[in-house]
C-alpha atoms as a PDB file:
ATOM      1  CA  MET A   1       0.000   0.000   0.000  1.00  0.00           C
ATOM      2  CA  ARG A   2       2.868   2.383   0.769  1.00  0.00           C
ATOM      3  CA  LEU A   3       4.393   1.799  -2.700  1.00  0.00           C
ATOM      4  CA  HIS A   4       1.073   2.644  -4.301  1.00  0.00           C
ATOM      5  CA  TYR A   5       0.944   5.927  -2.355  1.00  0.00           C
ATOM      6  CA  ARG A   6       4.455   6.863  -3.491  1.00  0.00           C
ATOM      7  CA  TRP A   7       3.557   6.110  -7.081  1.00  0.00           C
ATOM      8  CA  LEU A   8       0.544   8.454  -6.846  1.00  0.00           C
ATOM      9  CA  MET A   9       2.685  11.223  -5.353  1.00  0.00           C
ATOM     10  CA  ALA A  10       5.257  10.854  -8.147  1.00  0.00           C
ATOM     11  CA  ALA A  11       2.536  11.021 -10.800  1.00  0.00           C
ATOM     12  CA  PHE A  12       1.032  14.125  -9.125  1.00  0.00           C
ATOM     13  CA  ALA A  13       4.416  15.874  -9.052  1.00  0.00           C
ATOM     14  CA  ALA A  14       5.012  15.034 -12.717  1.00  0.00           C
ATOM     15  CA  GLY A  15       1.595  16.451 -13.628  1.00  0.00           C
ATOM     16  CA  ILE A  16       2.290  19.712 -11.773  1.00  0.00           C
ATOM     17  CA  ALA A  17       5.628  20.067 -13.568  1.00  0.00           C
ATOM     18  CA  ALA A  18       3.978  19.475 -16.951  1.00  0.00           C
ATOM     19  CA  LEU A  19       1.305  22.093 -16.252  1.00  0.00           C
ATOM     20  CA  SER A  20       3.936  24.604 -15.198  1.00  0.00           C
ATOM     21  CA  ALA A  21       5.881  24.014 -18.392  1.00  0.00           C
ATOM     22  CA  ALA A  22       2.711  24.451 -20.468  1.00  0.00           C
ATOM     23  CA  ALA A  23       1.655  27.669 -18.712  1.00  0.00           C
ATOM     24  CA  PRO A  24       0.998  30.545 -21.088  1.00  0.00           C
ATOM     25  CA  ALA A  25       4.146  32.387 -22.027  1.00  0.00           C
ATOM     26  CA  ASN A  26       2.269  35.701 -21.959  1.00  0.00           C
ATOM     27  CA  ALA A  27       2.597  35.843 -18.186  1.00  0.00           C
ATOM     28  CA  GLN A  28       6.394  36.090 -18.562  1.00  0.00           C
ATOM     29  CA  LEU A  29       6.448  38.695 -21.334  1.00  0.00           C
ATOM     30  CA  PRO A  30       8.038  42.045 -20.402  1.00  0.00           C
ATOM     31  CA  LEU A  31       4.752  43.900 -20.942  1.00  0.00           C
ATOM     32  CA  GLY A  32       2.584  41.005 -19.765  1.00  0.00           C
ATOM     33  CA  SER A  33      -0.954  40.309 -20.928  1.00  0.00           C
ATOM     34  CA  ASP A  34      -3.076  42.781 -18.979  1.00  0.00           C
ATOM     35  CA  PHE A  35      -2.122  46.209 -20.294  1.00  0.00           C
ATOM     36  CA  LEU A  36      -5.442  47.212 -21.891  1.00  0.00           C
ATOM     37  CA  THR A  37      -7.707  49.454 -19.826  1.00  0.00           C
ATOM     38  CA  PRO A  38     -10.342  48.234 -20.387  1.00  0.00           C
ATOM     39  CA  ALA A  39     -10.068  44.980 -22.335  1.00  0.00           C
ATOM     40  CA  VAL A  40     -13.800  45.052 -23.080  1.00  0.00           C
ATOM     41  CA  GLY A  41     -15.440  47.846 -25.048  1.00  0.00           C
ATOM     42  CA  SER A  42     -18.689  48.640 -26.796  1.00  0.00           C
ATOM     43  CA  ALA A  43     -20.074  51.228 -29.181  1.00  0.00           C
ATOM     44  CA  SER A  44     -23.299  51.833 -31.041  1.00  0.00           C
ATOM     45  CA  GLN A  45     -23.563  51.913 -34.795  1.00  0.00           C
ATOM     46  CA  GLY A  46     -21.967  55.123 -36.065  1.00  0.00           C
ATOM     47  CA  GLN A  47     -19.824  55.672 -32.941  1.00  0.00           C
ATOM     48  CA  THR A  48     -16.185  55.191 -31.864  1.00  0.00           C
ATOM     49  CA  PHE A  49     -14.652  53.527 -28.798  1.00  0.00           C
ATOM     50  CA  ASP A  50     -11.136  54.260 -27.464  1.00  0.00           C
ATOM     51  CA  PHE A  51      -8.986  51.481 -26.002  1.00  0.00           C
ATOM     52  CA  PHE A  52      -6.312  52.698 -23.593  1.00  0.00           C
ATOM     53  CA  ALA A  53      -3.231  50.934 -22.234  1.00  0.00           C
ATOM     54  CA  ASP A  54      -1.007  51.203 -19.191  1.00  0.00           C
ATOM     55  CA  LEU A  55       2.362  49.695 -20.098  1.00  0.00           C
ATOM     56  CA  VAL A  56       4.738  48.474 -17.388  1.00  0.00           C
ATOM     57  CA  ASN A  57       8.138  46.922 -18.129  1.00  0.00           C
ATOM     58  CA  ASN A  58       8.230  43.919 -15.795  1.00  0.00           C
ATOM     59  CA  SER A  59      11.710  42.828 -16.906  1.00  0.00           C
ATOM     60  CA  SER A  60      15.104  43.770 -15.471  1.00  0.00           C
ATOM     61  CA  SER A  61      16.349  45.489 -18.644  1.00  0.00           C
ATOM     62  CA  THR A  62      15.176  48.182 -21.034  1.00  0.00           C
ATOM     63  CA  VAL A  63      12.654  46.949 -23.576  1.00  0.00           C
ATOM     64  CA  TYR A  64      12.145  48.548 -26.991  1.00  0.00           C
ATOM     65  CA  LEU A  65       8.661  48.723 -28.531  1.00  0.00           C
ATOM     66  CA  ASN A  66       9.403  48.355 -32.244  1.00  0.00           C
ATOM     67  CA  SER A  67       6.176  47.168 -33.816  1.00  0.00           C
ATOM     68  CA  TYR A  68       2.681  45.960 -33.132  1.00  0.00           C
ATOM     69  CA  GLY A  69       0.207  43.320 -34.264  1.00  0.00           C
ATOM     70  CA  PHE A  70      -3.523  43.894 -34.426  1.00  0.00           C
ATOM     71  CA  SER A  71      -6.284  41.474 -35.343  1.00  0.00           C
ATOM     72  CA  LEU A  72     -10.051  41.735 -35.048  1.00  0.00           C
ATOM     73  CA  ASP A  73     -12.524  39.087 -36.153  1.00  0.00           C
ATOM     74  CA  ALA A  74     -15.214  41.528 -37.257  1.00  0.00           C
ATOM     75  CA  PRO A  75     -16.975  42.893 -40.362  1.00  0.00           C
ATOM     76  CA  ALA A  76     -15.255  45.412 -42.609  1.00  0.00           C
ATOM     77  CA  GLY A  77     -17.437  48.185 -41.207  1.00  0.00           C
ATOM     78  CA  ILE A  78     -15.369  48.238 -37.982  1.00  0.00           C
ATOM     79  CA  THR A  79     -12.128  50.123 -38.602  1.00  0.00           C
ATOM     80  CA  SER A  80      -9.102  50.783 -36.405  1.00  0.00           C
ATOM     81  CA  ASN A  81      -6.398  53.431 -36.291  1.00  0.00           C
ATOM     82  CA  ALA A  82      -3.948  51.182 -34.414  1.00  0.00           C
ATOM     83  CA  GLY A  83      -1.130  51.773 -36.895  1.00  0.00           C
ATOM     84  CA  ASP A  84      -1.472  55.538 -36.880  1.00  0.00           C
ATOM     85  CA  ILE A  85      -1.404  55.681 -33.086  1.00  0.00           C
ATOM     86  CA  PHE A  86       1.481  53.229 -32.632  1.00  0.00           C
ATOM     87  CA  PHE A  87       3.816  55.089 -34.950  1.00  0.00           C
ATOM     88  CA  SER A  88       2.918  58.456 -33.439  1.00  0.00           C
ATOM     89  CA  THR A  89       5.697  59.402 -30.994  1.00  0.00           C
ATOM     90  CA  SER A  90       3.224  61.234 -28.771  1.00  0.00           C
ATOM     91  CA  ASN A  91       1.416  58.023 -27.802  1.00  0.00           C
ATOM     92  CA  VAL A  92       3.437  54.801 -27.605  1.00  0.00           C
ATOM     93  CA  PRO A  93       6.966  55.231 -26.180  1.00  0.00           C
ATOM     94  CA  PHE A  94      10.010  53.992 -28.102  1.00  0.00           C
ATOM     95  CA  SER A  95      11.284  52.101 -25.051  1.00  0.00           C
ATOM     96  CA  LEU A  96      10.598  51.458 -21.375  1.00  0.00           C
ATOM     97  CA  ASP A  97      13.237  51.124 -18.668  1.00  0.00           C
ATOM     98  CA  PRO A  98      12.847  48.386 -16.022  1.00  0.00           C
ATOM     99  CA  THR A  99       9.750  48.782 -13.815  1.00  0.00           C
ATOM    100  CA  VAL A 100       8.797  52.029 -15.593  1.00  0.00           C
ATOM    101  CA  ASP A 101       5.066  52.674 -16.028  1.00  0.00           C
ATOM    102  CA  SER A 102       4.026  54.514 -19.197  1.00  0.00           C
ATOM    103  CA  GLY A 103       0.833  55.831 -17.628  1.00  0.00           C
ATOM    104  CA  PRO A 104      -2.450  55.715 -19.535  1.00  0.00           C
ATOM    105  CA  LEU A 105      -2.105  56.138 -23.282  1.00  0.00           C
ATOM    106  CA  ASP A 106      -4.530  55.929 -26.181  1.00  0.00           C
ATOM    107  CA  LEU A 107      -3.609  52.646 -27.888  1.00  0.00           C
ATOM    108  CA  PHE A 108      -6.258  52.335 -30.612  1.00  0.00           C
ATOM    109  CA  ASP A 109      -9.788  53.343 -31.516  1.00  0.00           C
ATOM    110  CA  LEU A 110     -12.518  51.271 -33.150  1.00  0.00           C
ATOM    111  CA  SER A 111     -15.010  53.109 -35.347  1.00  0.00           C
ATOM    112  CA  VAL A 112     -18.312  51.441 -36.199  1.00  0.00           C
ATOM    113  CA  ALA A 113     -20.146  52.131 -39.457  1.00  0.00           C
ATOM    114  CA  ASP A 114     -23.922  52.562 -39.413  1.00  0.00           C
ATOM    115  CA  ALA A 115     -24.557  49.304 -41.287  1.00  0.00           C
ATOM    116  CA  VAL A 116     -22.515  46.990 -39.019  1.00  0.00           C
ATOM    117  CA  THR A 117     -24.542  44.117 -37.580  1.00  0.00           C
ATOM    118  CA  PRO A 118     -24.789  44.327 -33.776  1.00  0.00           C
ATOM    119  CA  GLY A 119     -22.850  41.576 -31.992  1.00  0.00           C
ATOM    120  CA  SER A 120     -19.691  40.698 -30.056  1.00  0.00           C
ATOM    121  CA  TYR A 121     -16.298  40.490 -31.744  1.00  0.00           C
ATOM    122  CA  ALA A 122     -12.911  39.291 -30.469  1.00  0.00           C
ATOM    123  CA  GLY A 123      -9.488  40.721 -31.188  1.00  0.00           C
ATOM    124  CA  THR A 124      -5.834  40.620 -30.127  1.00  0.00           C
ATOM    125  CA  TYR A 125      -3.232  43.347 -29.689  1.00  0.00           C
ATOM    126  CA  THR A 126       0.465  42.382 -29.665  1.00  0.00           C
ATOM    127  CA  PHE A 127       3.661  44.335 -29.010  1.00  0.00           C
ATOM    128  CA  TYR A 128       6.908  43.314 -30.735  1.00  0.00           C
ATOM    129  CA  GLY A 129      10.391  44.457 -29.765  1.00  0.00           C
ATOM    130  CA  GLY A 130      13.060  43.480 -27.279  1.00  0.00           C
ATOM    131  CA  ALA A 131      16.579  44.391 -26.268  1.00  0.00           C
ATOM    132  CA  ASP A 132      17.241  46.907 -29.071  1.00  0.00           C
ATOM    133  CA  GLY A 133      15.576  48.886 -31.828  1.00  0.00           C
ATOM    134  CA  SER A 134      15.697  46.033 -34.337  1.00  0.00           C
ATOM    135  CA  ALA A 135      14.376  43.226 -32.127  1.00  0.00           C
ATOM    136  CA  SER A 136      11.093  41.589 -33.130  1.00  0.00           C
ATOM    137  CA  ASP A 137      10.282  39.317 -30.185  1.00  0.00           C
ATOM    138  CA  MET A 138       6.770  39.252 -28.788  1.00  0.00           C
ATOM    139  CA  ILE A 139       6.962  41.376 -25.640  1.00  0.00           C
ATOM    140  CA  GLY A 140       3.276  41.741 -24.786  1.00  0.00           C
ATOM    141  CA  GLN A 141      -0.070  40.424 -25.936  1.00  0.00           C
ATOM    142  CA  GLU A 142      -3.660  40.773 -24.793  1.00  0.00           C
ATOM    143  CA  ASN A 143      -7.037  39.660 -26.098  1.00  0.00           C
ATOM    144  CA  PHE A 144      -9.945  42.073 -26.099  1.00  0.00           C
ATOM    145  CA  ASN A 145     -13.668  41.968 -26.806  1.00  0.00           C
ATOM    146  CA  PHE A 146     -15.742  44.549 -28.609  1.00  0.00           C
ATOM    147  CA  THR A 147     -19.541  44.718 -28.708  1.00  0.00           C
ATOM    148  CA  VAL A 148     -21.546  46.621 -31.298  1.00  0.00           C
ATOM    149  CA  THR A 149     -25.006  47.706 -30.180  1.00  0.00           C
ATOM    150  CA  SER A 150     -27.895  49.048 -32.213  1.00  0.00           C
ATOM    151  CA  SER A 151     -28.031  52.815 -32.603  1.00  0.00           C
ATOM    152  CA  GLY A 152     -31.730  52.759 -31.679  1.00  0.00           C
ATOM    153  CA  ALA A 153     -32.795  54.682 -34.763  1.00  0.00           C
ATOM    154  CA  ALA A 154     -36.382  53.994 -35.712  1.00  0.00           C
ATOM    155  CA  SER A 155     -36.678  51.812 -38.764  1.00  0.00           C
ATOM    156  CA  PRO A 156     -38.897  53.140 -41.561  1.00  0.00           C
ATOM    157  CA  VAL A 157     -42.488  51.899 -41.475  1.00  0.00           C
ATOM    158  CA  PRO A 158     -43.084  49.673 -44.497  1.00  0.00           C
ATOM    159  CA  GLU A 159     -45.851  50.665 -46.864  1.00  0.00           C
ATOM    160  CA  PRO A 160     -48.904  48.397 -46.815  1.00  0.00           C
ATOM    161  CA  PRO A 161     -49.349  46.076 -49.793  1.00  0.00           C
ATOM    162  CA  PHE A 162     -51.409  47.282 -52.747  1.00  0.00           C
ATOM    163  CA  PHE A 163     -54.374  44.944 -52.199  1.00  0.00           C
ATOM    164  CA  GLN A 164     -54.768  46.139 -48.589  1.00  0.00           C
ATOM    165  CA  MET A 165     -54.829  49.751 -49.703  1.00  0.00           C
ATOM    166  CA  THR A 166     -57.403  48.932 -52.393  1.00  0.00           C
ATOM    167  CA  ALA A 167     -59.618  47.094 -49.894  1.00  0.00           C
ATOM    168  CA  LEU A 168     -59.481  50.008 -47.448  1.00  0.00           C
ATOM    169  CA  LEU A 169     -60.349  52.460 -50.218  1.00  0.00           C
ATOM    170  CA  GLY A 170     -63.318  50.313 -51.254  1.00  0.00           C
ATOM    171  CA  LEU A 171     -64.594  50.083 -47.693  1.00  0.00           C
ATOM    172  CA  GLY A 172     -64.279  53.838 -47.340  1.00  0.00           C
ATOM    173  CA  CYS A 173     -66.371  54.421 -50.487  1.00  0.00           C
ATOM    174  CA  VAL A 174     -69.086  52.030 -49.284  1.00  0.00           C
ATOM    175  CA  GLY A 175     -69.149  53.828 -45.925  1.00  0.00           C
ATOM    176  CA  LEU A 176     -69.577  57.224 -47.619  1.00  0.00           C
ATOM    177  CA  LEU A 177     -72.463  55.954 -49.754  1.00  0.00           C
ATOM    178  CA  ARG A 178     -74.204  54.520 -46.694  1.00  0.00           C
ATOM    179  CA  MET A 179     -73.814  57.815 -44.857  1.00  0.00           C
ATOM    180  CA  ARG A 180     -75.299  59.657 -47.858  1.00  0.00           C
ATOM    181  CA  ASP A 181     -78.283  57.333 -47.922  1.00  0.00           C
ATOM    182  CA  ARG A 182     -78.948  57.932 -44.213  1.00  0.00           C
ATOM    183  CA  LYS A 183     -78.965  61.711 -44.692  1.00  0.00           C
ATOM    184  CA  ARG A 184     -81.530  61.580 -47.544  1.00  0.00           C
ATOM    185  CA  PRO A 185     -84.998  62.864 -46.467  1.00  0.00           C
ATOM    186  CA  ALA A 186     -87.739  60.304 -46.058  1.00  0.00           C
ATOM    187  CA  TRP A 187     -89.971  61.785 -48.801  1.00  0.00           C
ATOM    188  CA  ARG A 188     -87.140  61.374 -51.359  1.00  0.00           C
ATOM    189  CA  SER A 189     -86.778  57.749 -50.402  1.00  0.00           C
ATOM    190  CA  TRP A 190     -90.577  57.299 -50.914  1.00  0.00           C
ATOM    191  CA  MET A 191     -90.328  59.047 -54.261  1.00  0.00           C
ATOM    192  CA  TRP A 192     -87.558  56.749 -55.428  1.00  0.00           C
ATOM    193  CA  ALA A 193     -89.528  53.808 -54.140  1.00  0.00           C
ATOM    194  CA  GLY A 194     -92.578  54.993 -56.093  1.00  0.00           C
ATOM    195  CA  LEU A 195     -90.647  55.453 -59.271  1.00  0.00           C
ATOM    196  CA  GLY A 196     -89.324  52.004 -58.830  1.00  0.00           C
ATOM    197  CA  SER A 197     -92.857  50.568 -58.557  1.00  0.00           C
ATOM    198  CA  VAL A 198     -94.001  52.467 -61.685  1.00  0.00           C
ATOM    199  CA  ARG A 199     -91.290  50.832 -63.688  1.00  0.00           C
END
């Protein structure tokens, strides 16, 4: 029984080691995987949402931010300015020294066209760089979600079909004729009745 217990403990230790080795590498990236503030956004049709980031260099050496990767599984009516913002020196820093916090910065915006179908869409933002200005290692990556909601504009009321309009017009004419008959004096009705009997 004791040998069986030792075998179970050895298997448990091996499993823990395997899980540790298979842990996501994002947790050890210099910029980590939780830099977006927030990582969930939403906008109505015809509006824009800004995604911000707070970048912290968690490594022990200076890290250079040389490029970016951006992907969004969404219709063409959702556009991003991620490239324009990344290569603007006033937003994303060229490098970060160890433990330095960039503070909040506008990372990218998503603009929604009026015709985009409401729904939830997933995307990923990745930083590339490393030890110098020519490095292209992945140094940070985070997934984000974006929800498009309806703008709430009233949809145009469809016109009724032709046969319904014709039926309503016919009923209206019958109603007018009936009203005219009710307003006719009694003696005129007797006269018409008499003429009818003469015929």
